[in-house]
Protein backbone atom coordinates (compact mmCIF):
# COMPACT_ATOMS: atom_id res chain seq x y z
CA MET A 1 25.31 19.89 23.56
CA PRO A 2 24.00 16.32 23.65
CA THR A 3 21.96 14.83 20.80
CA THR A 4 19.13 12.30 20.59
CA THR A 5 20.02 8.69 19.81
CA ASN A 6 17.81 8.06 16.76
CA ASN A 7 17.81 11.37 14.91
CA GLY A 8 20.75 13.33 16.27
CA TRP A 9 18.61 16.25 17.42
CA THR A 10 20.41 18.72 19.64
CA THR A 11 19.01 18.87 23.18
CA PRO A 12 19.83 21.01 26.23
CA ALA A 13 22.48 19.59 28.57
CA ASP A 14 21.85 19.22 32.29
CA THR A 15 24.50 21.89 32.91
CA ASP A 16 23.02 24.49 30.53
CA ILE A 17 21.98 27.83 31.98
CA VAL A 18 18.22 28.12 32.49
CA ARG A 19 18.08 31.48 30.72
CA ASN A 20 19.14 29.68 27.50
CA GLY A 21 16.25 27.20 27.82
CA ALA A 22 14.01 28.94 25.29
CA GLN A 23 16.73 28.90 22.66
CA ALA A 24 17.53 25.24 23.37
CA MET A 25 13.85 24.26 23.09
CA ARG A 26 13.50 26.27 19.85
CA THR A 27 16.54 24.45 18.42
CA LEU A 28 15.07 21.08 19.38
CA GLY A 29 11.68 22.03 17.88
CA ASN A 30 13.28 23.18 14.63
CA ASN A 31 15.26 19.93 14.38
CA ILE A 32 12.10 17.85 14.87
CA ASP A 33 10.20 19.97 12.35
CA ALA A 34 13.00 19.63 9.78
CA SER A 35 13.07 15.83 10.19
CA ILE A 36 9.32 15.33 9.95
CA GLY A 37 9.14 17.70 7.00
CA LYS A 38 11.35 15.23 5.11
CA LEU A 39 8.72 12.50 5.35
CA ALA A 40 7.04 13.25 2.04
CA TYR A 41 5.35 10.59 -0.07
CA THR A 42 7.39 9.10 -2.91
CA SER A 43 5.68 8.29 -6.21
CA PHE A 44 5.87 4.78 -7.64
CA THR A 45 4.23 2.84 -10.43
CA PRO A 46 2.51 -0.35 -9.19
CA SER A 47 3.65 -3.27 -11.33
CA ILE A 48 2.51 -6.88 -11.68
CA SER A 49 4.80 -9.19 -9.78
CA GLY A 50 5.51 -12.75 -8.67
CA THR A 51 2.35 -14.84 -8.68
CA GLY A 52 0.74 -12.22 -10.94
CA SER A 53 2.84 -13.29 -13.91
CA GLY A 54 0.85 -13.85 -17.07
CA TRP A 55 -1.44 -10.88 -16.46
CA SER A 56 -1.79 -8.12 -19.03
CA LEU A 57 -3.22 -4.75 -17.99
CA GLY A 58 -4.23 -4.02 -21.59
CA THR A 59 -3.47 -1.25 -24.05
CA GLY A 60 -3.76 2.23 -22.55
CA SER A 61 -3.73 1.02 -18.94
CA SER A 62 -2.44 3.29 -16.22
CA ALA A 63 -0.93 2.76 -12.79
CA SER A 64 0.02 5.26 -10.12
CA GLY A 65 0.88 5.12 -6.48
CA ARG A 66 2.69 6.69 -3.58
CA TRP A 67 4.39 5.49 -0.43
CA VAL A 68 6.13 6.77 2.67
CA GLN A 69 8.10 4.97 5.37
CA ILE A 70 8.08 6.26 8.94
CA GLY A 71 10.43 4.19 11.03
CA ASN A 72 9.61 0.59 10.06
CA THR A 73 6.01 1.35 9.09
CA VAL A 74 5.26 1.72 5.36
CA PHE A 75 2.09 3.38 4.03
CA VAL A 76 1.20 2.67 0.38
CA ASP A 77 -1.66 3.89 -1.85
CA GLY A 78 -2.14 2.73 -5.43
CA LYS A 79 -4.54 2.76 -8.36
CA ILE A 80 -4.46 0.65 -11.51
CA THR A 81 -6.87 1.26 -14.39
CA LEU A 82 -7.07 -1.54 -16.94
CA GLY A 83 -6.85 -0.66 -20.62
CA THR A 84 -8.46 -2.32 -23.62
CA SER A 85 -8.13 -6.11 -23.93
CA PRO A 86 -6.71 -6.89 -20.47
CA SER A 87 -6.24 -10.53 -19.59
CA ALA A 88 -5.92 -12.54 -16.41
CA GLY A 89 -3.02 -14.90 -15.90
CA ALA A 90 -3.31 -18.39 -14.45
CA ASN A 91 -2.50 -17.01 -10.99
CA ALA A 92 -3.91 -14.28 -8.79
CA PHE A 93 -3.42 -10.60 -9.47
CA ALA A 94 -0.33 -9.48 -7.53
CA VAL A 95 1.51 -6.16 -7.28
CA ALA A 96 5.11 -5.57 -6.19
CA LEU A 97 5.66 -3.63 -2.96
CA PRO A 98 7.79 -0.47 -3.14
CA VAL A 99 9.64 -1.59 0.03
CA ASN A 100 9.95 -5.26 1.06
CA ALA A 101 7.79 -6.28 4.01
CA ASN A 102 8.98 -8.03 7.15
CA SER A 103 9.04 -11.72 6.17
CA ASN A 104 8.11 -12.85 9.69
CA THR A 105 4.54 -11.63 9.32
CA THR A 106 1.83 -11.87 6.72
CA GLU A 107 -1.00 -9.42 7.17
CA TRP A 108 -4.49 -9.29 5.71
CA LEU A 109 -6.05 -5.87 5.21
CA THR A 110 -9.46 -5.02 3.80
CA THR A 111 -8.56 -1.69 2.25
CA GLY A 112 -8.79 -2.40 -1.44
CA SER A 113 -11.45 -2.36 -4.10
CA TYR A 114 -12.15 -3.63 -7.60
CA TYR A 115 -14.47 -1.53 -9.75
CA ASP A 116 -16.06 -3.50 -12.61
CA ASP A 117 -16.74 -0.77 -15.18
CA SER A 118 -18.97 -2.87 -17.47
CA ALA A 119 -21.35 -3.75 -14.61
CA ALA A 120 -20.80 -0.52 -12.64
CA ASP A 121 -20.19 -2.66 -9.53
CA LEU A 122 -17.68 -2.07 -6.76
CA TYR A 123 -16.24 -5.10 -4.98
CA PRO A 124 -14.30 -4.92 -1.71
CA CYS A 125 -10.92 -6.63 -1.78
CA THR A 126 -8.94 -8.25 0.97
CA ILE A 127 -5.24 -7.80 0.46
CA LYS A 128 -2.63 -10.33 1.56
CA ILE A 129 0.84 -8.92 2.07
CA SER A 130 3.86 -11.16 1.59
CA SER A 131 7.50 -10.11 1.77
CA THR A 132 7.65 -8.69 -1.78
CA GLN A 133 4.08 -8.37 -3.09
CA ILE A 134 0.40 -8.03 -2.35
CA ASP A 135 -2.27 -10.47 -3.60
CA PHE A 136 -5.85 -9.33 -4.13
CA TYR A 137 -8.85 -11.38 -2.96
CA ILE A 138 -12.31 -10.27 -4.01
CA GLY A 139 -15.57 -10.83 -2.16
CA LYS A 140 -18.39 -12.82 -3.76
CA VAL A 141 -21.91 -13.50 -2.53
CA THR A 142 -22.44 -17.24 -2.88
CA SER A 143 -26.26 -17.29 -2.56
CA SER A 144 -28.95 -14.63 -2.85
CA THR A 145 -31.14 -16.34 -0.25
CA SER A 146 -28.33 -16.87 2.24
CA PRO A 147 -25.65 -14.26 1.52
CA VAL A 148 -22.26 -15.59 2.51
CA VAL A 149 -19.16 -13.85 1.29
CA ALA A 150 -16.54 -16.18 -0.14
CA LYS A 151 -13.18 -14.95 -1.28
CA ALA A 152 -11.54 -15.73 -4.60
CA LEU A 153 -8.22 -14.50 -5.87
CA ILE A 154 -8.77 -12.04 -8.69
CA GLY A 155 -8.22 -14.03 -11.86
CA THR A 156 -8.98 -17.48 -10.44
CA ALA A 157 -11.97 -19.81 -10.80
CA GLY A 158 -15.06 -18.68 -8.94
CA ASN A 159 -14.16 -15.02 -9.31
CA PRO A 160 -17.19 -12.72 -9.60
CA VAL A 161 -15.51 -10.45 -12.16
CA VAL A 162 -13.75 -10.83 -15.48
CA PRO A 163 -11.09 -8.14 -15.98
CA GLY A 164 -12.27 -5.63 -18.59
CA ALA A 165 -11.42 -2.23 -20.05
CA ASN A 166 -11.63 0.66 -17.57
CA ASP A 167 -11.87 -1.62 -14.52
CA VAL A 168 -10.05 -0.05 -11.56
CA ILE A 169 -8.11 -1.73 -8.76
CA GLN A 170 -7.29 0.49 -5.77
CA PHE A 171 -5.52 -0.16 -2.50
CA SER A 172 -4.32 1.57 0.63
CA ILE A 173 -2.15 -0.58 2.88
CA THR A 174 0.12 -0.33 5.92
CA TYR A 175 2.81 -2.86 6.82
CA GLN A 176 6.13 -3.32 8.61
CA ALA A 177 9.25 -3.01 6.45
CA ALA A 178 11.88 -5.72 6.34
């Protein structure tokens, strides 16, 4: 019997007897089901990377995440909770990707958030994806009379938040693998 090019699934041949069609289709369906069933999320621990050097998440911090790759598309979810006495480095907050991204494209996605526990405020984040890491930009209203949202890298001048205990950074991103 012939097989598919990408996954090697068995398919009916043009010369197969029609009465065997149900069995051939069942075999193909089972092969597809078995392959897709293997696409489970993999756990990973988000870690500070690259331009994020100098950051400290603080004592008792936690980080968890998961990712899955389907073809060249990677889906990643992560959550980082700062512990006591966290500190910002001189550069932006950056997290390593579990799978390197295609270096030909840089994508911006608005699927992140920064929760400031001390002020009980939630800030949307824009996330910039580079080939090995993601950088977090946080929104900031520049004037109460004329609200304009400016973006500042978390940890840089003009940032509306100072990292503190129990602050939470979350993200959910999609990108093309290298």
